[in-house]
All heavy atoms as atom14 arrays in JSON, in Angstrom:
{
  "sequence": "MTLRVLSYNIENGGGRRLPAIARVIRQQQPDVVALLEATNRWAVVA",
  "atom14_mask": [
    [1, 1, 1, 1, 1, 1, 1, 1, 0, 0, 0, 0, 0, 0],
    [1, 1, 1, 1, 1, 1, 1, 0, 0, 0, 0, 0, 0, 0],
    [1, 1, 1, 1, 1, 1, 1, 1, 0, 0, 0, 0, 0, 0],
    [1, 1, 1, 1, 1, 1, 1, 1, 1, 1, 1, 0, 0, 0],
    [1, 1, 1, 1, 1, 1, 1, 0, 0, 0, 0, 0, 0, 0],
    [1, 1, 1, 1, 1, 1, 1, 1, 0, 0, 0, 0, 0, 0],
    [1, 1, 1, 1, 1, 1, 0, 0, 0, 0, 0, 0, 0, 0],
    [1, 1, 1, 1, 1, 1, 1, 1, 1, 1, 1, 1, 0, 0],
    [1, 1, 1, 1, 1, 1, 1, 1, 0, 0, 0, 0, 0, 0],
    [1, 1, 1, 1, 1, 1, 1, 1, 0, 0, 0, 0, 0, 0],
    [1, 1, 1, 1, 1, 1, 1, 1, 1, 0, 0, 0, 0, 0],
    [1, 1, 1, 1, 1, 1, 1, 1, 0, 0, 0, 0, 0, 0],
    [1, 1, 1, 1, 0, 0, 0, 0, 0, 0, 0, 0, 0, 0],
    [1, 1, 1, 1, 0, 0, 0, 0, 0, 0, 0, 0, 0, 0],
    [1, 1, 1, 1, 0, 0, 0, 0, 0, 0, 0, 0, 0, 0],
    [1, 1, 1, 1, 1, 1, 1, 1, 1, 1, 1, 0, 0, 0],
    [1, 1, 1, 1, 1, 1, 1, 1, 1, 1, 1, 0, 0, 0],
    [1, 1, 1, 1, 1, 1, 1, 1, 0, 0, 0, 0, 0, 0],
    [1, 1, 1, 1, 1, 1, 1, 0, 0, 0, 0, 0, 0, 0],
    [1, 1, 1, 1, 1, 0, 0, 0, 0, 0, 0, 0, 0, 0],
    [1, 1, 1, 1, 1, 1, 1, 1, 0, 0, 0, 0, 0, 0],
    [1, 1, 1, 1, 1, 0, 0, 0, 0, 0, 0, 0, 0, 0],
    [1, 1, 1, 1, 1, 1, 1, 1, 1, 1, 1, 0, 0, 0],
    [1, 1, 1, 1, 1, 1, 1, 0, 0, 0, 0, 0, 0, 0],
    [1, 1, 1, 1, 1, 1, 1, 1, 0, 0, 0, 0, 0, 0],
    [1, 1, 1, 1, 1, 1, 1, 1, 1, 1, 1, 0, 0, 0],
    [1, 1, 1, 1, 1, 1, 1, 1, 1, 0, 0, 0, 0, 0],
    [1, 1, 1, 1, 1, 1, 1, 1, 1, 0, 0, 0, 0, 0],
    [1, 1, 1, 1, 1, 1, 1, 1, 1, 0, 0, 0, 0, 0],
    [1, 1, 1, 1, 1, 1, 1, 0, 0, 0, 0, 0, 0, 0],
    [1, 1, 1, 1, 1, 1, 1, 1, 0, 0, 0, 0, 0, 0],
    [1, 1, 1, 1, 1, 1, 1, 0, 0, 0, 0, 0, 0, 0],
    [1, 1, 1, 1, 1, 1, 1, 0, 0, 0, 0, 0, 0, 0],
    [1, 1, 1, 1, 1, 0, 0, 0, 0, 0, 0, 0, 0, 0],
    [1, 1, 1, 1, 1, 1, 1, 1, 0, 0, 0, 0, 0, 0],
    [1, 1, 1, 1, 1, 1, 1, 1, 0, 0, 0, 0, 0, 0],
    [1, 1, 1, 1, 1, 1, 1, 1, 1, 0, 0, 0, 0, 0],
    [1, 1, 1, 1, 1, 0, 0, 0, 0, 0, 0, 0, 0, 0],
    [1, 1, 1, 1, 1, 1, 1, 0, 0, 0, 0, 0, 0, 0],
    [1, 1, 1, 1, 1, 1, 1, 1, 0, 0, 0, 0, 0, 0],
    [1, 1, 1, 1, 1, 1, 1, 1, 1, 1, 1, 0, 0, 0],
    [1, 1, 1, 1, 1, 1, 1, 1, 1, 1, 1, 1, 1, 1],
    [1, 1, 1, 1, 1, 0, 0, 0, 0, 0, 0, 0, 0, 0],
    [1, 1, 1, 1, 1, 1, 1, 0, 0, 0, 0, 0, 0, 0],
    [1, 1, 1, 1, 1, 1, 1, 0, 0, 0, 0, 0, 0, 0],
    [1, 1, 1, 1, 1, 0, 0, 0, 0, 0, 0, 0, 0, 0]
  ],
  "atom14_positions": [
    [[0.85, -1.19, 0.01], [0.0, 0.0, 0.0], [0.88, 1.25, 0.0], [1.86, 1.34, 0.74], [-0.9, -0.01, 1.24], [-1.76, 1.2, 1.34], [-2.76, 1.14, 2.87], [-3.21, 2.83, 2.99], [0.0, 0.0, 0.0], [0.0, 0.0, 0.0], [0.0, 0.0, 0.0], [0.0, 0.0, 0.0], [0.0, 0.0, 0.0], [0.0, 0.0, 0.0]],
    [[0.55, 2.2, -0.82], [1.27, 3.48, -0.88], [0.41, 4.53, -0.16], [-0.78, 4.62, -0.38], [1.46, 3.91, -2.34], [2.22, 2.87, -3.0], [2.21, 5.21, -2.41], [0.0, 0.0, 0.0], [0.0, 0.0, 0.0], [0.0, 0.0, 0.0], [0.0, 0.0, 0.0], [0.0, 0.0, 0.0], [0.0, 0.0, 0.0], [0.0, 0.0, 0.0]],
    [[1.06, 5.28, 0.69], [0.4, 6.35, 1.43], [0.81, 7.67, 0.8], [1.99, 7.98, 0.71], [0.8, 6.32, 2.9], [0.16, 7.37, 3.8], [-1.34, 7.07, 3.96], [0.85, 7.38, 5.16], [0.0, 0.0, 0.0], [0.0, 0.0, 0.0], [0.0, 0.0, 0.0], [0.0, 0.0, 0.0], [0.0, 0.0, 0.0], [0.0, 0.0, 0.0]],
    [[-0.16, 8.46, 0.37], [0.11, 9.77, -0.22], [-0.05, 10.86, 0.84], [-1.14, 11.0, 1.39], [-0.82, 10.05, -1.4], [-0.56, 9.1, -2.59], [-1.52, 9.36, -3.73], [-1.5, 10.71, -4.19], [-0.76, 11.16, -5.22], [0.03, 10.35, -5.85], [-0.82, 12.42, -5.6], [0.0, 0.0, 0.0], [0.0, 0.0, 0.0], [0.0, 0.0, 0.0]],
    [[1.02, 11.58, 1.11], [1.04, 12.63, 2.13], [1.32, 13.96, 1.45], [2.23, 14.08, 0.63], [2.11, 12.33, 3.21], [2.13, 13.43, 4.25], [1.85, 10.98, 3.86], [0.0, 0.0, 0.0], [0.0, 0.0, 0.0], [0.0, 0.0, 0.0], [0.0, 0.0, 0.0], [0.0, 0.0, 0.0], [0.0, 0.0, 0.0], [0.0, 0.0, 0.0]],
    [[0.54, 14.97, 1.82], [0.7, 16.32, 1.29], [0.94, 17.28, 2.42], [0.2, 17.28, 3.41], [-0.55, 16.73, 0.51], [-0.62, 18.16, -0.02], [0.43, 18.39, -1.1], [-2.01, 18.46, -0.55], [0.0, 0.0, 0.0], [0.0, 0.0, 0.0], [0.0, 0.0, 0.0], [0.0, 0.0, 0.0], [0.0, 0.0, 0.0], [0.0, 0.0, 0.0]],
    [[1.98, 18.08, 2.33], [2.23, 19.18, 3.27], [1.88, 20.48, 2.57], [2.36, 20.71, 1.45], [3.68, 19.14, 3.71], [3.97, 20.25, 4.52], [0.0, 0.0, 0.0], [0.0, 0.0, 0.0], [0.0, 0.0, 0.0], [0.0, 0.0, 0.0], [0.0, 0.0, 0.0], [0.0, 0.0, 0.0], [0.0, 0.0, 0.0], [0.0, 0.0, 0.0]],
    [[1.06, 21.32, 3.19], [0.58, 22.52, 2.51], [0.58, 23.68, 3.49], [-0.15, 23.68, 4.48], [-0.84, 22.26, 2.01], [-1.36, 23.17, 0.93], [-2.33, 22.71, 0.06], [-0.95, 24.49, 0.81], [-2.86, 23.54, -0.91], [-1.47, 25.3, -0.17], [-2.41, 24.82, -1.03], [-2.94, 25.63, -2.0], [0.0, 0.0, 0.0], [0.0, 0.0, 0.0]],
    [[1.39, 24.7, 3.23], [1.38, 25.92, 4.04], [0.28, 26.8, 3.51], [0.38, 27.39, 2.43], [2.71, 26.64, 3.98], [2.78, 27.81, 4.92], [1.76, 28.47, 5.17], [3.94, 28.11, 5.45], [0.0, 0.0, 0.0], [0.0, 0.0, 0.0], [0.0, 0.0, 0.0], [0.0, 0.0, 0.0], [0.0, 0.0, 0.0], [0.0, 0.0, 0.0]],
    [[-0.82, 26.88, 4.26], [-1.98, 27.63, 3.77], [-1.91, 29.13, 4.11], [-2.84, 29.87, 3.82], [-3.3, 27.01, 4.28], [-3.39, 27.0, 5.8], [-3.46, 25.6, 3.72], [-4.75, 26.55, 6.35], [0.0, 0.0, 0.0], [0.0, 0.0, 0.0], [0.0, 0.0, 0.0], [0.0, 0.0, 0.0], [0.0, 0.0, 0.0], [0.0, 0.0, 0.0]],
    [[-0.84, 29.56, 4.74], [-0.53, 30.95, 5.01], [-1.68, 31.67, 5.78], [-2.69, 32.04, 5.19], [-0.21, 31.72, 3.74], [0.34, 33.08, 4.02], [0.71, 33.85, 2.75], [0.45, 33.36, 1.64], [1.28, 34.93, 2.89], [0.0, 0.0, 0.0], [0.0, 0.0, 0.0], [0.0, 0.0, 0.0], [0.0, 0.0, 0.0], [0.0, 0.0, 0.0]],
    [[-1.46, 31.83, 7.05], [-2.39, 32.55, 7.92], [-3.84, 32.09, 7.84], [-4.77, 32.87, 7.76], [-2.32, 34.06, 7.63], [-1.02, 34.65, 8.13], [-0.55, 34.32, 9.21], [-0.41, 35.49, 7.31], [0.0, 0.0, 0.0], [0.0, 0.0, 0.0], [0.0, 0.0, 0.0], [0.0, 0.0, 0.0], [0.0, 0.0, 0.0], [0.0, 0.0, 0.0]],
    [[-4.02, 30.79, 7.86], [-5.37, 30.23, 7.94], [-6.11, 30.01, 6.64], [-7.19, 29.45, 6.6], [0.0, 0.0, 0.0], [0.0, 0.0, 0.0], [0.0, 0.0, 0.0], [0.0, 0.0, 0.0], [0.0, 0.0, 0.0], [0.0, 0.0, 0.0], [0.0, 0.0, 0.0], [0.0, 0.0, 0.0], [0.0, 0.0, 0.0], [0.0, 0.0, 0.0]],
    [[-5.54, 30.46, 5.54], [-6.17, 30.24, 4.24], [-7.13, 31.33, 3.79], [-7.19, 31.65, 2.61], [0.0, 0.0, 0.0], [0.0, 0.0, 0.0], [0.0, 0.0, 0.0], [0.0, 0.0, 0.0], [0.0, 0.0, 0.0], [0.0, 0.0, 0.0], [0.0, 0.0, 0.0], [0.0, 0.0, 0.0], [0.0, 0.0, 0.0], [0.0, 0.0, 0.0]],
    [[-7.9, 31.86, 4.71], [-8.81, 32.97, 4.41], [-9.68, 32.72, 3.17], [-10.28, 31.65, 3.02], [0.0, 0.0, 0.0], [0.0, 0.0, 0.0], [0.0, 0.0, 0.0], [0.0, 0.0, 0.0], [0.0, 0.0, 0.0], [0.0, 0.0, 0.0], [0.0, 0.0, 0.0], [0.0, 0.0, 0.0], [0.0, 0.0, 0.0], [0.0, 0.0, 0.0]],
    [[-9.68, 33.68, 2.29], [-10.49, 33.62, 1.07], [-9.96, 32.6, 0.07], [-10.63, 32.33, -0.93], [-10.58, 35.0, 0.42], [-11.32, 35.99, 1.26], [-11.44, 37.31, 0.56], [-12.16, 38.24, 1.4], [-11.93, 39.54, 1.42], [-11.02, 40.04, 0.62], [-12.62, 40.31, 2.21], [0.0, 0.0, 0.0], [0.0, 0.0, 0.0], [0.0, 0.0, 0.0]],
    [[-8.78, 32.07, 0.32], [-8.19, 31.1, -0.61], [-8.64, 29.67, -0.34], [-8.2, 28.75, -1.02], [-6.65, 31.16, -0.51], [-6.08, 32.51, -0.95], [-4.57, 32.56, -0.88], [-4.0, 31.83, 0.24], [-3.92, 32.29, 1.5], [-4.36, 33.48, 1.79], [-3.38, 31.56, 2.45], [0.0, 0.0, 0.0], [0.0, 0.0, 0.0], [0.0, 0.0, 0.0]],
    [[-9.54, 29.45, 0.61], [-9.97, 28.1, 0.95], [-10.51, 27.31, -0.24], [-10.18, 26.15, -0.39], [-10.96, 28.1, 2.1], [-10.34, 28.38, 3.48], [-11.43, 28.41, 4.54], [-9.28, 27.36, 3.83], [0.0, 0.0, 0.0], [0.0, 0.0, 0.0], [0.0, 0.0, 0.0], [0.0, 0.0, 0.0], [0.0, 0.0, 0.0], [0.0, 0.0, 0.0]],
    [[-11.34, 27.9, -1.12], [-11.78, 27.13, -2.29], [-10.6, 26.7, -3.18], [-10.58, 25.56, -3.67], [-12.71, 28.09, -3.02], [-13.21, 29.03, -1.96], [-12.03, 29.18, -1.03], [0.0, 0.0, 0.0], [0.0, 0.0, 0.0], [0.0, 0.0, 0.0], [0.0, 0.0, 0.0], [0.0, 0.0, 0.0], [0.0, 0.0, 0.0], [0.0, 0.0, 0.0]],
    [[-9.63, 27.56, -3.37], [-8.45, 27.2, -4.18], [-7.63, 26.13, -3.48], [-7.12, 25.2, -4.12], [-7.6, 28.43, -4.47], [0.0, 0.0, 0.0], [0.0, 0.0, 0.0], [0.0, 0.0, 0.0], [0.0, 0.0, 0.0], [0.0, 0.0, 0.0], [0.0, 0.0, 0.0], [0.0, 0.0, 0.0], [0.0, 0.0, 0.0], [0.0, 0.0, 0.0]],
    [[-7.49, 26.25, -2.16], [-6.75, 25.24, -1.39], [-7.45, 23.87, -1.51], [-6.8, 22.85, -1.71], [-6.62, 25.69, 0.08], [-5.7, 26.91, 0.17], [-6.14, 24.56, 0.97], [-5.72, 27.64, 1.49], [0.0, 0.0, 0.0], [0.0, 0.0, 0.0], [0.0, 0.0, 0.0], [0.0, 0.0, 0.0], [0.0, 0.0, 0.0], [0.0, 0.0, 0.0]],
    [[-8.75, 23.88, -1.41], [-9.52, 22.64, -1.56], [-9.31, 22.02, -2.93], [-9.16, 20.81, -3.05], [-11.01, 22.89, -1.3], [0.0, 0.0, 0.0], [0.0, 0.0, 0.0], [0.0, 0.0, 0.0], [0.0, 0.0, 0.0], [0.0, 0.0, 0.0], [0.0, 0.0, 0.0], [0.0, 0.0, 0.0], [0.0, 0.0, 0.0], [0.0, 0.0, 0.0]],
    [[-9.28, 22.83, -3.98], [-9.05, 22.32, -5.33], [-7.69, 21.66, -5.45], [-7.57, 20.57, -6.03], [-9.18, 23.45, -6.37], [-10.6, 23.77, -6.75], [-10.68, 24.64, -7.97], [-10.0, 25.92, -7.83], [-10.53, 27.01, -7.28], [-11.76, 26.97, -6.79], [-9.84, 28.13, -7.2], [0.0, 0.0, 0.0], [0.0, 0.0, 0.0], [0.0, 0.0, 0.0]],
    [[-6.66, 22.3, -4.89], [-5.32, 21.71, -4.95], [-5.29, 20.38, -4.22], [-4.72, 19.39, -4.72], [-4.28, 22.69, -4.37], [-2.93, 22.01, -4.17], [-4.13, 23.93, -5.23], [0.0, 0.0, 0.0], [0.0, 0.0, 0.0], [0.0, 0.0, 0.0], [0.0, 0.0, 0.0], [0.0, 0.0, 0.0], [0.0, 0.0, 0.0], [0.0, 0.0, 0.0]],
    [[-5.9, 20.33, -3.05], [-5.89, 19.09, -2.28], [-6.64, 18.0, -3.04], [-6.16, 16.87, -3.15], [-6.51, 19.31, -0.87], [-5.58, 20.24, -0.04], [-6.73, 17.98, -0.16], [-6.16, 20.68, 1.28], [0.0, 0.0, 0.0], [0.0, 0.0, 0.0], [0.0, 0.0, 0.0], [0.0, 0.0, 0.0], [0.0, 0.0, 0.0], [0.0, 0.0, 0.0]],
    [[-7.78, 18.32, -3.6], [-8.54, 17.32, -4.38], [-7.72, 16.82, -5.58], [-7.7, 15.63, -5.88], [-9.83, 17.91, -4.89], [-10.95, 17.86, -3.89], [-12.28, 18.11, -4.6], [-13.31, 18.39, -3.63], [-14.06, 17.47, -3.05], [-13.87, 16.22, -3.36], [-14.98, 17.8, -2.19], [0.0, 0.0, 0.0], [0.0, 0.0, 0.0], [0.0, 0.0, 0.0]],
    [[-7.04, 17.71, -6.28], [-6.26, 17.34, -7.43], [-5.11, 16.39, -7.06], [-4.79, 15.46, -7.79], [-5.67, 18.57, -8.13], [-6.68, 19.4, -8.86], [-6.11, 20.72, -9.34], [-5.03, 21.14, -8.95], [-6.86, 21.39, -10.2], [0.0, 0.0, 0.0], [0.0, 0.0, 0.0], [0.0, 0.0, 0.0], [0.0, 0.0, 0.0], [0.0, 0.0, 0.0]],
    [[-4.51, 16.59, -5.91], [-3.39, 15.77, -5.47], [-3.82, 14.43, -4.92], [-3.02, 13.49, -4.84], [-2.54, 16.51, -4.44], [-1.89, 17.78, -4.97], [-0.98, 17.45, -6.17], [-0.17, 16.55, -6.12], [-1.17, 18.22, -7.24], [0.0, 0.0, 0.0], [0.0, 0.0, 0.0], [0.0, 0.0, 0.0], [0.0, 0.0, 0.0], [0.0, 0.0, 0.0]],
    [[-5.07, 14.3, -4.5], [-5.65, 13.07, -3.97], [-4.82, 12.44, -2.85], [-4.5, 11.26, -2.88], [-5.86, 12.06, -5.09], [-6.81, 12.53, -6.15], [-7.0, 11.51, -7.25], [-6.21, 10.58, -7.42], [-8.06, 11.71, -8.01], [0.0, 0.0, 0.0], [0.0, 0.0, 0.0], [0.0, 0.0, 0.0], [0.0, 0.0, 0.0], [0.0, 0.0, 0.0]],
    [[-4.44, 13.22, -1.84], [-3.64, 12.68, -0.75], [-4.49, 11.85, 0.22], [-5.7, 12.05, 0.31], [-3.1, 13.92, -0.04], [-4.2, 14.93, -0.24], [-4.74, 14.64, -1.63], [0.0, 0.0, 0.0], [0.0, 0.0, 0.0], [0.0, 0.0, 0.0], [0.0, 0.0, 0.0], [0.0, 0.0, 0.0], [0.0, 0.0, 0.0], [0.0, 0.0, 0.0]],
    [[-3.82, 10.98, 0.93], [-4.5, 10.24, 2.01], [-4.46, 11.05, 3.3], [-5.37, 11.01, 4.09], [-3.79, 8.89, 2.24], [-3.88, 8.0, 1.01], [-5.01, 7.76, 0.55], [-2.82, 7.57, 0.52], [0.0, 0.0, 0.0], [0.0, 0.0, 0.0], [0.0, 0.0, 0.0], [0.0, 0.0, 0.0], [0.0, 0.0, 0.0], [0.0, 0.0, 0.0]],
    [[-3.35, 11.79, 3.47], [-3.15, 12.6, 4.68], [-2.59, 13.96, 4.25], [-1.74, 14.03, 3.35], [-2.13, 11.92, 5.63], [-1.91, 12.77, 6.86], [-2.62, 10.53, 6.01], [0.0, 0.0, 0.0], [0.0, 0.0, 0.0], [0.0, 0.0, 0.0], [0.0, 0.0, 0.0], [0.0, 0.0, 0.0], [0.0, 0.0, 0.0], [0.0, 0.0, 0.0]],
    [[-3.06, 15.03, 4.89], [-2.61, 16.39, 4.59], [-2.18, 17.06, 5.9], [-2.94, 17.07, 6.86], [-3.7, 17.24, 3.94], [-3.18, 18.63, 3.6], [-4.27, 16.55, 2.71], [0.0, 0.0, 0.0], [0.0, 0.0, 0.0], [0.0, 0.0, 0.0], [0.0, 0.0, 0.0], [0.0, 0.0, 0.0], [0.0, 0.0, 0.0], [0.0, 0.0, 0.0]],
    [[-0.99, 17.65, 5.91], [-0.55, 18.49, 7.01], [-0.75, 19.95, 6.54], [-0.13, 20.39, 5.59], [0.91, 18.25, 7.35], [0.0, 0.0, 0.0], [0.0, 0.0, 0.0], [0.0, 0.0, 0.0], [0.0, 0.0, 0.0], [0.0, 0.0, 0.0], [0.0, 0.0, 0.0], [0.0, 0.0, 0.0], [0.0, 0.0, 0.0], [0.0, 0.0, 0.0]],
    [[-1.64, 20.65, 7.22], [-1.89, 22.07, 6.89], [-1.09, 22.94, 7.86], [-1.38, 22.97, 9.06], [-3.38, 22.39, 7.01], [-4.31, 21.66, 6.07], [-5.76, 21.98, 6.4], [-3.99, 22.04, 4.63], [0.0, 0.0, 0.0], [0.0, 0.0, 0.0], [0.0, 0.0, 0.0], [0.0, 0.0, 0.0], [0.0, 0.0, 0.0], [0.0, 0.0, 0.0]],
    [[-0.1, 23.6, 7.35], [0.76, 24.48, 8.16], [0.14, 25.87, 8.19], [-0.5, 26.29, 7.24], [2.16, 24.54, 7.56], [2.79, 23.17, 7.24], [4.13, 23.36, 6.57], [2.92, 22.35, 8.49], [0.0, 0.0, 0.0], [0.0, 0.0, 0.0], [0.0, 0.0, 0.0], [0.0, 0.0, 0.0], [0.0, 0.0, 0.0], [0.0, 0.0, 0.0]],
    [[0.37, 26.58, 9.26], [-0.21, 27.91, 9.5], [-1.75, 27.86, 9.53], [-2.42, 28.72, 9.0], [0.27, 28.96, 8.49], [1.75, 29.28, 8.64], [2.14, 30.54, 7.88], [1.32, 31.45, 7.7], [3.32, 30.57, 7.45], [0.0, 0.0, 0.0], [0.0, 0.0, 0.0], [0.0, 0.0, 0.0], [0.0, 0.0, 0.0], [0.0, 0.0, 0.0]],
    [[-2.28, 26.82, 10.17], [-3.72, 26.65, 10.3], [-4.21, 27.53, 11.47], [-4.66, 27.03, 12.5], [-4.05, 25.19, 10.53], [0.0, 0.0, 0.0], [0.0, 0.0, 0.0], [0.0, 0.0, 0.0], [0.0, 0.0, 0.0], [0.0, 0.0, 0.0], [0.0, 0.0, 0.0], [0.0, 0.0, 0.0], [0.0, 0.0, 0.0], [0.0, 0.0, 0.0]],
    [[-4.12, 28.81, 11.27], [-4.4, 29.78, 12.35], [-5.89, 29.96, 12.62], [-6.27, 30.49, 13.66], [-3.8, 31.15, 12.03], [-4.33, 31.59, 10.77], [-2.28, 31.08, 11.93], [0.0, 0.0, 0.0], [0.0, 0.0, 0.0], [0.0, 0.0, 0.0], [0.0, 0.0, 0.0], [0.0, 0.0, 0.0], [0.0, 0.0, 0.0], [0.0, 0.0, 0.0]],
    [[-6.74, 29.52, 11.71], [-8.19, 29.65, 11.88], [-8.79, 28.26, 11.96], [-9.01, 27.59, 10.95], [-8.77, 30.45, 10.69], [-10.26, 30.67, 10.86], [-10.97, 29.92, 11.49], [-10.73, 31.74, 10.23], [0.0, 0.0, 0.0], [0.0, 0.0, 0.0], [0.0, 0.0, 0.0], [0.0, 0.0, 0.0], [0.0, 0.0, 0.0], [0.0, 0.0, 0.0]],
    [[-9.07, 27.83, 13.17], [-9.61, 26.46, 13.39], [-10.89, 26.24, 12.6], [-11.09, 25.17, 12.02], [-9.84, 26.22, 14.89], [-10.34, 24.84, 15.17], [-10.65, 24.64, 16.63], [-11.1, 23.29, 16.86], [-10.42, 22.38, 17.54], [-9.26, 22.68, 18.07], [-10.9, 21.17, 17.69], [0.0, 0.0, 0.0], [0.0, 0.0, 0.0], [0.0, 0.0, 0.0]],
    [[-11.79, 27.22, 12.6], [-13.09, 27.03, 11.93], [-12.92, 26.88, 10.43], [-13.69, 26.17, 9.79], [-14.04, 28.14, 12.3], [-14.19, 28.21, 13.8], [-13.8, 29.23, 14.62], [-14.67, 27.18, 14.66], [-14.02, 28.9, 15.93], [-14.57, 27.63, 15.97], [-15.19, 25.89, 14.43], [-14.97, 26.87, 17.09], [-15.59, 25.14, 15.53], [-15.46, 25.63, 16.82]],
    [[-11.94, 27.55, 9.86], [-11.68, 27.42, 8.41], [-11.24, 25.99, 8.07], [-11.72, 25.43, 7.09], [-10.63, 28.43, 7.98], [0.0, 0.0, 0.0], [0.0, 0.0, 0.0], [0.0, 0.0, 0.0], [0.0, 0.0, 0.0], [0.0, 0.0, 0.0], [0.0, 0.0, 0.0], [0.0, 0.0, 0.0], [0.0, 0.0, 0.0], [0.0, 0.0, 0.0]],
    [[-10.37, 25.41, 8.9], [-9.9, 24.05, 8.58], [-10.99, 23.02, 8.89], [-11.05, 21.97, 8.24], [-8.55, 23.69, 9.24], [-7.45, 24.55, 8.67], [-8.58, 23.8, 10.74], [0.0, 0.0, 0.0], [0.0, 0.0, 0.0], [0.0, 0.0, 0.0], [0.0, 0.0, 0.0], [0.0, 0.0, 0.0], [0.0, 0.0, 0.0], [0.0, 0.0, 0.0]],
    [[-11.86, 23.3, 9.87], [-13.01, 22.42, 10.11], [-13.89, 22.42, 8.86], [-14.31, 21.36, 8.39], [-13.82, 22.89, 11.35], [-15.19, 22.22, 11.4], [-13.04, 22.61, 12.62], [0.0, 0.0, 0.0], [0.0, 0.0, 0.0], [0.0, 0.0, 0.0], [0.0, 0.0, 0.0], [0.0, 0.0, 0.0], [0.0, 0.0, 0.0], [0.0, 0.0, 0.0]],
    [[-14.16, 23.59, 8.31], [-14.99, 23.69, 7.07], [-14.3, 22.98, 5.91], [-14.93, 22.28, 5.13], [-15.24, 25.15, 6.75], [0.0, 0.0, 0.0], [0.0, 0.0, 0.0], [0.0, 0.0, 0.0], [0.0, 0.0, 0.0], [0.0, 0.0, 0.0], [0.0, 0.0, 0.0], [0.0, 0.0, 0.0], [0.0, 0.0, 0.0], [0.0, 0.0, 0.0]]
  ]
}
């Protein structure tokens, strides 16, 4: 089994870029994602 891991610095919580961040994550099809600078908990919950 291969595990696909993505590390992504979303820069200060992602803000208005969340739809673009979601598109990148979907395109990469990772099993696990580390979101760096996840300063806005509610944004990453969404």
